[in-house]
Amino acid sequence: MTIREEAFAGKPLSCPVIDAHTHICAYHLSGWHQRYSHTKTEVVLEDMEKLGVDCIVTSPHPMVQERMEEANEIAAKESVRFPGKVYGYITVVPPCGMERIKEQLNRYAKHPGFVGVKFLTGYHGDFNQPEYQYALDFADEMSCPVLLHVWGGVPSAKDCAKALETRHNLKLVVAHQGGGYAENTRSFAPMIREYENAYMELCGSMDNRLPVEMIVDLVGEDKVIYGTDAISLDPKYEFGRVAFSPLKDQVKEKIFAGNFLRLLETSQMGKINL
């Protein structure tokens, strides 16, 4: 069966699937999609397995409220509790201060459950501030990905390009297709194509008029990363966008897992084993 046929039949996909943009733990401060009974990690994983998702990479919800240490501790514990199913990003929160950020990066740099770094820019401050720049240098040294929250032109494609100019080992994953709307995707696409280590992640695309196959045309099939923003958003939306698209299965397999696994090949942080 093709990927499309498996999805239409309601079967878990048989190809590898990594959800590279997730959040675990309940979050009560806004009206995001969440069923409280489905916020426990074991239930999140059960829901993911129904789709055929092999593992998730997560930054737990306390990070939104600037509870950096708590978020990272949860990610560490859940990666141990669910080995091979839950991986974490080291969440960097500039309002916590440089010393606390350095301590967190040093603490989890060699933890096998962490595969990269997460920035919630806009919420936590400007992309160009010293704390984020330090973390970018860390990611460059570790050759690991940074999942960068982008929305409404913040940060800009120009800022992202500047970060990549001298950090040749950094893998910058631009979340929300460059900002959630077609015009943002188009504005980021040239930068994604120009820089070898720049990627575009899909989640939150309900406001993007561009179908996945057009996003692939804009940035290249090797540059698109699958993510859903679960549990803040229902993961089935982004899953369906890819699974039911007219893209060839070989391209879907790259999006669902292949591209993310490839960018981890040279990383000095944890590895995903499927």
C-alpha atoms as a PDB file:
ATOM      1  CA  MET A   1       0.000   0.000   0.000  1.00  0.00           C
ATOM      2  CA  THR A   2       1.079   3.559  -0.609  1.00  0.00           C
ATOM      3  CA  ILE A   3       1.310   6.069   2.233  1.00  0.00           C
ATOM      4  CA  ARG A   4      -1.876   7.701   0.975  1.00  0.00           C
ATOM      5  CA  GLU A   5      -3.686   4.349   0.884  1.00  0.00           C
ATOM      6  CA  GLU A   6      -2.559   3.448   4.396  1.00  0.00           C
ATOM      7  CA  ALA A   7      -3.793   6.787   5.724  1.00  0.00           C
ATOM      8  CA  PHE A   8      -7.162   6.466   3.954  1.00  0.00           C
ATOM      9  CA  ALA A   9      -7.544   2.997   5.434  1.00  0.00           C
ATOM     10  CA  GLY A  10      -6.933   4.402   8.911  1.00  0.00           C
ATOM     11  CA  LYS A  11      -3.815   2.302   9.360  1.00  0.00           C
ATOM     12  CA  PRO A  12      -0.613   3.480  11.092  1.00  0.00           C
ATOM     13  CA  LEU A  13       1.922   4.398   8.457  1.00  0.00           C
ATOM     14  CA  SER A  14       4.513   1.716   7.840  1.00  0.00           C
ATOM     15  CA  CYS A  15       7.243   4.242   6.961  1.00  0.00           C
ATOM     16  CA  PRO A  16       9.281   5.937   9.734  1.00  0.00           C
ATOM     17  CA  VAL A  17       7.629   9.061  11.185  1.00  0.00           C
ATOM     18  CA  ILE A  18       9.245  11.594  13.538  1.00  0.00           C
ATOM     19  CA  ASP A  19       7.175  14.461  14.902  1.00  0.00           C
ATOM     20  CA  ALA A  20       9.944  17.033  15.322  1.00  0.00           C
ATOM     21  CA  HIS A  21       7.815  19.794  16.881  1.00  0.00           C
ATOM     22  CA  THR A  22       5.734  18.856  19.911  1.00  0.00           C
ATOM     23  CA  HIS A  23       4.890  20.024  23.424  1.00  0.00           C
ATOM     24  CA  ILE A  24       3.896  17.805  26.327  1.00  0.00           C
ATOM     25  CA  CYS A  25       2.168  18.618  29.645  1.00  0.00           C
ATOM     26  CA  ALA A  26      -1.096  20.512  30.022  1.00  0.00           C
ATOM     27  CA  TYR A  27      -1.241  24.230  29.176  1.00  0.00           C
ATOM     28  CA  HIS A  28      -4.122  26.340  30.420  1.00  0.00           C
ATOM     29  CA  LEU A  29      -3.270  29.915  29.422  1.00  0.00           C
ATOM     30  CA  SER A  30      -4.965  30.004  26.029  1.00  0.00           C
ATOM     31  CA  GLY A  31      -7.450  28.180  23.863  1.00  0.00           C
ATOM     32  CA  TRP A  32      -5.134  25.764  22.125  1.00  0.00           C
ATOM     33  CA  HIS A  33      -6.502  22.380  21.132  1.00  0.00           C
ATOM     34  CA  GLN A  34      -6.119  20.093  24.138  1.00  0.00           C
ATOM     35  CA  ARG A  35      -8.133  17.403  25.820  1.00  0.00           C
ATOM     36  CA  TYR A  36      -6.935  17.345  29.387  1.00  0.00           C
ATOM     37  CA  SER A  37      -7.287  13.556  29.532  1.00  0.00           C
ATOM     38  CA  HIS A  38      -4.861  13.340  26.605  1.00  0.00           C
ATOM     39  CA  THR A  39      -2.067  15.475  28.045  1.00  0.00           C
ATOM     40  CA  LYS A  40      -0.282  12.644  29.832  1.00  0.00           C
ATOM     41  CA  THR A  41       2.747  11.526  27.858  1.00  0.00           C
ATOM     42  CA  GLU A  42       1.669   7.898  27.659  1.00  0.00           C
ATOM     43  CA  VAL A  43      -1.662   8.954  26.155  1.00  0.00           C
ATOM     44  CA  VAL A  44       0.060  11.345  23.739  1.00  0.00           C
ATOM     45  CA  LEU A  45       2.195   8.445  22.542  1.00  0.00           C
ATOM     46  CA  GLU A  46      -0.825   6.174  22.193  1.00  0.00           C
ATOM     47  CA  ASP A  47      -2.500   8.801  19.996  1.00  0.00           C
ATOM     48  CA  MET A  48       0.670   9.168  17.933  1.00  0.00           C
ATOM     49  CA  GLU A  49       1.025   5.409  17.460  1.00  0.00           C
ATOM     50  CA  LYS A  50      -2.414   5.301  15.846  1.00  0.00           C
ATOM     51  CA  LEU A  51      -0.952   7.462  13.077  1.00  0.00           C
ATOM     52  CA  GLY A  52       2.275   5.472  12.880  1.00  0.00           C
ATOM     53  CA  VAL A  53       4.463   8.099  14.580  1.00  0.00           C
ATOM     54  CA  ASP A  54       7.596   6.383  15.870  1.00  0.00           C
ATOM     55  CA  CYS A  55       8.782   9.145  18.199  1.00  0.00           C
ATOM     56  CA  ILE A  56       8.332  12.774  19.173  1.00  0.00           C
ATOM     57  CA  VAL A  57      10.822  15.563  19.864  1.00  0.00           C
ATOM     58  CA  THR A  58       9.455  17.898  22.497  1.00  0.00           C
ATOM     59  CA  SER A  59       9.831  21.073  24.519  1.00  0.00           C
ATOM     60  CA  PRO A  60       7.361  20.756  27.419  1.00  0.00           C
ATOM     61  CA  HIS A  61       4.764  23.471  27.954  1.00  0.00           C
ATOM     62  CA  PRO A  62       6.273  25.017  31.139  1.00  0.00           C
ATOM     63  CA  MET A  63       8.797  26.702  28.829  1.00  0.00           C
ATOM     64  CA  VAL A  64       6.051  29.063  27.600  1.00  0.00           C
ATOM     65  CA  GLN A  65       5.809  30.494  31.121  1.00  0.00           C
ATOM     66  CA  GLU A  66       9.619  30.893  31.304  1.00  0.00           C
ATOM     67  CA  ARG A  67       9.980  27.816  33.538  1.00  0.00           C
ATOM     68  CA  MET A  68      13.073  26.712  31.665  1.00  0.00           C
ATOM     69  CA  GLU A  69      14.586  24.309  34.175  1.00  0.00           C
ATOM     70  CA  GLU A  70      11.247  22.609  34.783  1.00  0.00           C
ATOM     71  CA  ALA A  71      10.633  22.130  31.056  1.00  0.00           C
ATOM     72  CA  ASN A  72      14.074  20.638  30.480  1.00  0.00           C
ATOM     73  CA  GLU A  73      13.808  18.381  33.509  1.00  0.00           C
ATOM     74  CA  ILE A  74      10.466  17.030  32.279  1.00  0.00           C
ATOM     75  CA  ALA A  75      11.904  16.354  28.825  1.00  0.00           C
ATOM     76  CA  ALA A  76      14.862  14.539  30.378  1.00  0.00           C
ATOM     77  CA  LYS A  77      12.672  12.389  32.630  1.00  0.00           C
ATOM     78  CA  GLU A  78      10.216  11.500  29.871  1.00  0.00           C
ATOM     79  CA  SER A  79      13.031  10.556  27.486  1.00  0.00           C
ATOM     80  CA  VAL A  80      14.206   8.057  30.105  1.00  0.00           C
ATOM     81  CA  ARG A  81      10.688   6.856  30.905  1.00  0.00           C
ATOM     82  CA  PHE A  82       9.896   6.340  27.198  1.00  0.00           C
ATOM     83  CA  PRO A  83      13.254   5.523  25.567  1.00  0.00           C
ATOM     84  CA  GLY A  84      13.185   5.725  21.805  1.00  0.00           C
ATOM     85  CA  LYS A  85       9.746   7.328  21.893  1.00  0.00           C
ATOM     86  CA  VAL A  86      10.389  10.737  23.501  1.00  0.00           C
ATOM     87  CA  TYR A  87      13.340  13.004  22.741  1.00  0.00           C
ATOM     88  CA  GLY A  88      13.835  16.560  23.929  1.00  0.00           C
ATOM     89  CA  TYR A  89      15.053  19.964  22.875  1.00  0.00           C
ATOM     90  CA  ILE A  90      17.042  21.972  25.402  1.00  0.00           C
ATOM     91  CA  THR A  91      14.726  24.926  25.856  1.00  0.00           C
ATOM     92  CA  VAL A  92      16.518  28.306  26.015  1.00  0.00           C
ATOM     93  CA  VAL A  93      14.649  31.137  27.777  1.00  0.00           C
ATOM     94  CA  PRO A  94      16.577  34.459  27.738  1.00  0.00           C
ATOM     95  CA  PRO A  95      14.650  36.111  30.632  1.00  0.00           C
ATOM     96  CA  CYS A  96      16.149  33.410  32.877  1.00  0.00           C
ATOM     97  CA  GLY A  97      19.581  34.975  32.367  1.00  0.00           C
ATOM     98  CA  MET A  98      22.833  33.901  30.756  1.00  0.00           C
ATOM     99  CA  GLU A  99      24.238  31.907  33.674  1.00  0.00           C
ATOM    100  CA  ARG A 100      21.148  29.724  34.024  1.00  0.00           C
ATOM    101  CA  ILE A 101      21.076  29.164  30.263  1.00  0.00           C
ATOM    102  CA  LYS A 102      24.741  28.135  30.229  1.00  0.00           C
ATOM    103  CA  GLU A 103      24.091  25.737  33.096  1.00  0.00           C
ATOM    104  CA  GLN A 104      21.171  24.121  31.260  1.00  0.00           C
ATOM    105  CA  LEU A 105      23.095  23.773  28.000  1.00  0.00           C
ATOM    106  CA  ASN A 106      26.050  22.213  29.805  1.00  0.00           C
ATOM    107  CA  ARG A 107      23.811  19.918  31.850  1.00  0.00           C
ATOM    108  CA  TYR A 108      21.975  18.396  28.903  1.00  0.00           C
ATOM    109  CA  ALA A 109      24.533  18.668  26.076  1.00  0.00           C
ATOM    110  CA  LYS A 110      25.545  15.010  26.408  1.00  0.00           C
ATOM    111  CA  HIS A 111      22.212  13.664  27.625  1.00  0.00           C
ATOM    112  CA  PRO A 112      21.227  10.985  25.069  1.00  0.00           C
ATOM    113  CA  GLY A 113      17.581  12.053  25.190  1.00  0.00           C
ATOM    114  CA  PHE A 114      18.241  15.571  23.863  1.00  0.00           C
ATOM    115  CA  VAL A 115      18.787  16.091  20.145  1.00  0.00           C
ATOM    116  CA  GLY A 116      18.763  19.882  19.778  1.00  0.00           C
ATOM    117  CA  VAL A 117      17.777  23.293  21.106  1.00  0.00           C
ATOM    118  CA  LYS A 118      14.449  25.171  21.071  1.00  0.00           C
ATOM    119  CA  PHE A 119      13.891  28.960  20.890  1.00  0.00           C
ATOM    120  CA  LEU A 120      10.483  30.518  21.487  1.00  0.00           C
ATOM    121  CA  THR A 121      11.426  33.865  19.969  1.00  0.00           C
ATOM    122  CA  GLY A 122       8.862  36.631  20.256  1.00  0.00           C
ATOM    123  CA  TYR A 123       7.466  35.123  23.446  1.00  0.00           C
ATOM    124  CA  HIS A 124      10.852  35.241  25.181  1.00  0.00           C
ATOM    125  CA  GLY A 125      12.588  38.087  23.415  1.00  0.00           C
ATOM    126  CA  ASP A 126      14.513  39.135  20.335  1.00  0.00           C
ATOM    127  CA  PHE A 127      16.446  36.600  18.272  1.00  0.00           C
ATOM    128  CA  ASN A 128      19.532  38.843  18.251  1.00  0.00           C
ATOM    129  CA  GLN A 129      19.889  39.192  22.021  1.00  0.00           C
ATOM    130  CA  PRO A 130      23.046  37.765  23.640  1.00  0.00           C
ATOM    131  CA  GLU A 131      21.396  34.735  25.250  1.00  0.00           C
ATOM    132  CA  TYR A 132      20.072  33.420  21.948  1.00  0.00           C
ATOM    133  CA  GLN A 133      23.349  34.214  20.186  1.00  0.00           C
ATOM    134  CA  TYR A 134      25.256  32.244  22.819  1.00  0.00           C
ATOM    135  CA  ALA A 135      22.906  29.287  22.321  1.00  0.00           C
ATOM    136  CA  LEU A 136      23.388  29.512  18.543  1.00  0.00           C
ATOM    137  CA  ASP A 137      27.152  29.292  19.087  1.00  0.00           C
ATOM    138  CA  PHE A 138      26.559  26.256  21.307  1.00  0.00           C
ATOM    139  CA  ALA A 139      24.441  24.623  18.588  1.00  0.00           C
ATOM    140  CA  ASP A 140      27.124  25.383  16.005  1.00  0.00           C
ATOM    141  CA  GLU A 141      29.752  23.730  18.197  1.00  0.00           C
ATOM    142  CA  MET A 142      27.502  20.710  18.748  1.00  0.00           C
ATOM    143  CA  SER A 143      26.380  20.579  15.074  1.00  0.00           C
ATOM    144  CA  CYS A 144      22.830  20.177  16.336  1.00  0.00           C
ATOM    145  CA  PRO A 145      19.471  21.583  15.186  1.00  0.00           C
ATOM    146  CA  VAL A 146      17.793  24.656  16.612  1.00  0.00           C
ATOM    147  CA  LEU A 147      14.010  24.611  16.283  1.00  0.00           C
ATOM    148  CA  LEU A 148      13.205  28.298  15.883  1.00  0.00           C
ATOM    149  CA  HIS A 149       9.696  29.614  16.550  1.00  0.00           C
ATOM    150  CA  VAL A 150       8.863  32.063  13.752  1.00  0.00           C
ATOM    151  CA  TRP A 151       5.594  33.960  13.421  1.00  0.00           C
ATOM    152  CA  GLY A 152       4.530  37.255  11.921  1.00  0.00           C
ATOM    153  CA  GLY A 153       7.973  38.060  10.552  1.00  0.00           C
ATOM    154  CA  VAL A 154       9.690  37.579  13.934  1.00  0.00           C
ATOM    155  CA  PRO A 155      12.512  36.809  13.533  1.00  0.00           C
ATOM    156  CA  SER A 156      13.106  37.786   9.932  1.00  0.00           C
ATOM    157  CA  ALA A 157      14.693  35.734   7.174  1.00  0.00           C
ATOM    158  CA  LYS A 158      17.503  38.295   7.174  1.00  0.00           C
ATOM    159  CA  ASP A 159      18.187  37.645  10.863  1.00  0.00           C
ATOM    160  CA  CYS A 160      18.230  33.893  10.224  1.00  0.00           C
ATOM    161  CA  ALA A 161      20.618  34.274   7.304  1.00  0.00           C
ATOM    162  CA  LYS A 162      22.954  36.343   9.462  1.00  0.00           C
ATOM    163  CA  ALA A 163      22.968  33.602  12.103  1.00  0.00           C
ATOM    164  CA  LEU A 164      23.953  31.012   9.493  1.00  0.00           C
ATOM    165  CA  GLU A 165      26.656  33.025   7.733  1.00  0.00           C
ATOM    166  CA  THR A 166      29.391  32.195  10.242  1.00  0.00           C
ATOM    167  CA  ARG A 167      27.891  29.100  11.895  1.00  0.00           C
ATOM    168  CA  HIS A 168      28.390  26.431   9.272  1.00  0.00           C
ATOM    169  CA  ASN A 169      27.577  23.479  11.544  1.00  0.00           C
ATOM    170  CA  LEU A 170      24.343  24.925  12.917  1.00  0.00           C
ATOM    171  CA  LYS A 171      21.125  23.387  11.593  1.00  0.00           C
ATOM    172  CA  LEU A 172      18.417  26.046  11.742  1.00  0.00           C
ATOM    173  CA  VAL A 173      14.895  24.621  11.518  1.00  0.00           C
ATOM    174  CA  VAL A 174      12.458  27.456  10.799  1.00  0.00           C
ATOM    175  CA  ALA A 175       9.157  26.513  12.425  1.00  0.00           C
ATOM    176  CA  HIS A 176       5.618  27.213  11.185  1.00  0.00           C
ATOM    177  CA  GLN A 177       6.654  27.270   7.496  1.00  0.00           C
ATOM    178  CA  GLY A 178       8.350  30.614   8.130  1.00  0.00           C
ATOM    179  CA  GLY A 179       5.448  32.205   9.974  1.00  0.00           C
ATOM    180  CA  GLY A 180       2.179  30.405   9.310  1.00  0.00           C
ATOM    181  CA  TYR A 181       1.061  32.247   6.185  1.00  0.00           C
ATOM    182  CA  ALA A 182       1.835  31.906   2.488  1.00  0.00           C
ATOM    183  CA  GLU A 183       3.588  35.271   2.279  1.00  0.00           C
ATOM    184  CA  ASN A 184       5.894  34.318   5.165  1.00  0.00           C
ATOM    185  CA  THR A 185       6.717  30.983   3.554  1.00  0.00           C
ATOM    186  CA  ARG A 186       7.580  32.736   0.315  1.00  0.00           C
ATOM    187  CA  SER A 187       9.754  35.289   2.117  1.00  0.00           C
ATOM    188  CA  PHE A 188      11.752  32.579   3.884  1.00  0.00           C
ATOM    189  CA  ALA A 189      12.060  30.181   0.939  1.00  0.00           C
ATOM    190  CA  PRO A 190      15.084  31.876  -0.757  1.00  0.00           C
ATOM    191  CA  MET A 191      17.021  31.808   2.523  1.00  0.00           C
ATOM    192  CA  ILE A 192      16.149  28.145   3.090  1.00  0.00           C
ATOM    193  CA  ARG A 193      17.394  27.297  -0.393  1.00  0.00           C
ATOM    194  CA  GLU A 194      20.559  29.402  -0.120  1.00  0.00           C
ATOM    195  CA  TYR A 195      21.875  27.974   3.139  1.00  0.00           C
ATOM    196  CA  GLU A 196      22.680  24.279   3.233  1.00  0.00           C
ATOM    197  CA  ASN A 197      21.815  23.979   6.928  1.00  0.00           C
ATOM    198  CA  ALA A 198      18.466  25.798   6.836  1.00  0.00           C
ATOM    199  CA  TYR A 199      15.208  23.852   6.936  1.00  0.00           C
ATOM    200  CA  MET A 200      11.480  24.597   6.976  1.00  0.00           C
ATOM    201  CA  GLU A 201       9.146  22.867   9.455  1.00  0.00           C
ATOM    202  CA  LEU A 202       5.453  22.466   8.712  1.00  0.00           C
ATOM    203  CA  CYS A 203       3.366  22.834  11.867  1.00  0.00           C
ATOM    204  CA  GLY A 204       0.571  25.340  12.320  1.00  0.00           C
ATOM    205  CA  SER A 205      -0.184  25.514   8.600  1.00  0.00           C
ATOM    206  CA  MET A 206      -3.962  25.844   8.855  1.00  0.00           C
ATOM    207  CA  ASP A 207      -3.656  29.492   7.756  1.00  0.00           C
ATOM    208  CA  ASN A 208      -1.230  28.774   4.931  1.00  0.00           C
ATOM    209  CA  ARG A 209      -2.866  28.694   1.512  1.00  0.00           C
ATOM    210  CA  LEU A 210       0.115  26.822   0.060  1.00  0.00           C
ATOM    211  CA  PRO A 211      -0.284  23.040  -0.121  1.00  0.00           C
ATOM    212  CA  VAL A 212       2.624  20.932   1.086  1.00  0.00           C
ATOM    213  CA  GLU A 213       3.671  20.072  -2.450  1.00  0.00           C
ATOM    214  CA  MET A 214       4.078  23.783  -3.239  1.00  0.00           C
ATOM    215  CA  ILE A 215       6.140  24.328  -0.079  1.00  0.00           C
ATOM    216  CA  VAL A 216       8.352  21.465  -1.264  1.00  0.00           C
ATOM    217  CA  ASP A 217       8.691  23.164  -4.654  1.00  0.00           C
ATOM    218  CA  LEU A 218       9.707  26.420  -2.945  1.00  0.00           C
ATOM    219  CA  VAL A 219      12.421  25.047  -0.643  1.00  0.00           C
ATOM    220  CA  GLY A 220      13.305  21.596  -1.974  1.00  0.00           C
ATOM    221  CA  GLU A 221      12.305  18.109  -0.886  1.00  0.00           C
ATOM    222  CA  ASP A 222      15.407  17.732   1.307  1.00  0.00           C
ATOM    223  CA  LYS A 223      14.584  20.850   3.333  1.00  0.00           C
ATOM    224  CA  VAL A 224      11.109  20.107   4.751  1.00  0.00           C
ATOM    225  CA  ILE A 225      10.715  18.766   8.305  1.00  0.00           C
ATOM    226  CA  TYR A 226       7.544  17.178   9.689  1.00  0.00           C
ATOM    227  CA  GLY A 227       6.133  18.668  12.895  1.00  0.00           C
ATOM    228  CA  THR A 228       2.628  19.169  14.269  1.00  0.00           C
ATOM    229  CA  ASP A 229       2.781  21.401  17.390  1.00  0.00           C
ATOM    230  CA  ALA A 230       0.982  18.632  19.288  1.00  0.00           C
ATOM    231  CA  ILE A 231      -0.511  18.794  21.844  1.00  0.00           C
ATOM    232  CA  SER A 232      -1.137  22.509  21.372  1.00  0.00           C
ATOM    233  CA  LEU A 233      -2.620  21.635  17.988  1.00  0.00           C
ATOM    234  CA  ASP A 234      -4.260  18.443  16.768  1.00  0.00           C
ATOM    235  CA  PRO A 235      -1.471  16.439  15.071  1.00  0.00           C
ATOM    236  CA  LYS A 236      -3.869  14.859  12.582  1.00  0.00           C
ATOM    237  CA  TYR A 237      -4.071  18.090  10.579  1.00  0.00           C
ATOM    238  CA  GLU A 238      -0.411  18.241   9.562  1.00  0.00           C
ATOM    239  CA  PHE A 239      -0.311  14.456   9.267  1.00  0.00           C
ATOM    240  CA  GLY A 240      -3.109  14.562   6.709  1.00  0.00           C
ATOM    241  CA  ARG A 241      -1.525  17.436   4.812  1.00  0.00           C
ATOM    242  CA  VAL A 242       1.517  15.280   4.102  1.00  0.00           C
ATOM    243  CA  ALA A 243      -0.006  11.784   3.931  1.00  0.00           C
ATOM    244  CA  PHE A 244      -2.816  12.746   1.535  1.00  0.00           C
ATOM    245  CA  SER A 245      -0.710  15.058  -0.650  1.00  0.00           C
ATOM    246  CA  PRO A 246       0.092  14.091  -4.270  1.00  0.00           C
ATOM    247  CA  LEU A 247       3.810  13.940  -3.447  1.00  0.00           C
ATOM    248  CA  LYS A 248       5.646  10.729  -4.279  1.00  0.00           C
ATOM    249  CA  ASP A 249       6.127   8.348  -1.371  1.00  0.00           C
ATOM    250  CA  GLN A 250       9.893   8.810  -1.532  1.00  0.00           C
ATOM    251  CA  VAL A 251       9.406  12.530  -0.861  1.00  0.00           C
ATOM    252  CA  LYS A 252       6.871  11.917   1.911  1.00  0.00           C
ATOM    253  CA  GLU A 253       9.348   9.558   3.577  1.00  0.00           C
ATOM    254  CA  LYS A 254      11.946  12.335   3.559  1.00  0.00           C
ATOM    255  CA  ILE A 255       9.497  14.769   5.138  1.00  0.00           C
ATOM    256  CA  PHE A 256       8.166  12.333   7.726  1.00  0.00           C
ATOM    257  CA  ALA A 257      11.590  11.276   9.018  1.00  0.00           C
ATOM    258  CA  GLY A 258      14.437  11.108   6.512  1.00  0.00           C
ATOM    259  CA  ASN A 259      15.351  14.786   6.464  1.00  0.00           C
ATOM    260  CA  PHE A 260      15.411  15.106  10.261  1.00  0.00           C
ATOM    261  CA  LEU A 261      17.499  11.948  10.645  1.00  0.00           C
ATOM    262  CA  ARG A 262      19.954  13.278   8.074  1.00  0.00           C
ATOM    263  CA  LEU A 263      20.505  16.568   9.878  1.00  0.00           C
ATOM    264  CA  LEU A 264      21.265  14.614  13.075  1.00  0.00           C
ATOM    265  CA  GLU A 265      23.983  12.529  11.408  1.00  0.00           C
ATOM    266  CA  THR A 266      26.789  14.968  12.260  1.00  0.00           C
ATOM    267  CA  SER A 267      25.308  16.171  15.551  1.00  0.00           C
ATOM    268  CA  GLN A 268      27.281  15.731  18.775  1.00  0.00           C
ATOM    269  CA  MET A 269      24.061  15.526  20.778  1.00  0.00           C
ATOM    270  CA  GLY A 270      21.673  12.589  21.099  1.00  0.00           C
ATOM    271  CA  LYS A 271      20.626  10.416  18.173  1.00  0.00           C
ATOM    272  CA  ILE A 272      17.211   9.075  17.207  1.00  0.00           C
ATOM    273  CA  ASN A 273      17.177   5.323  16.794  1.00  0.00           C
ATOM    274  CA  LEU A 274      14.186   3.947  14.892  1.00  0.00           C
END
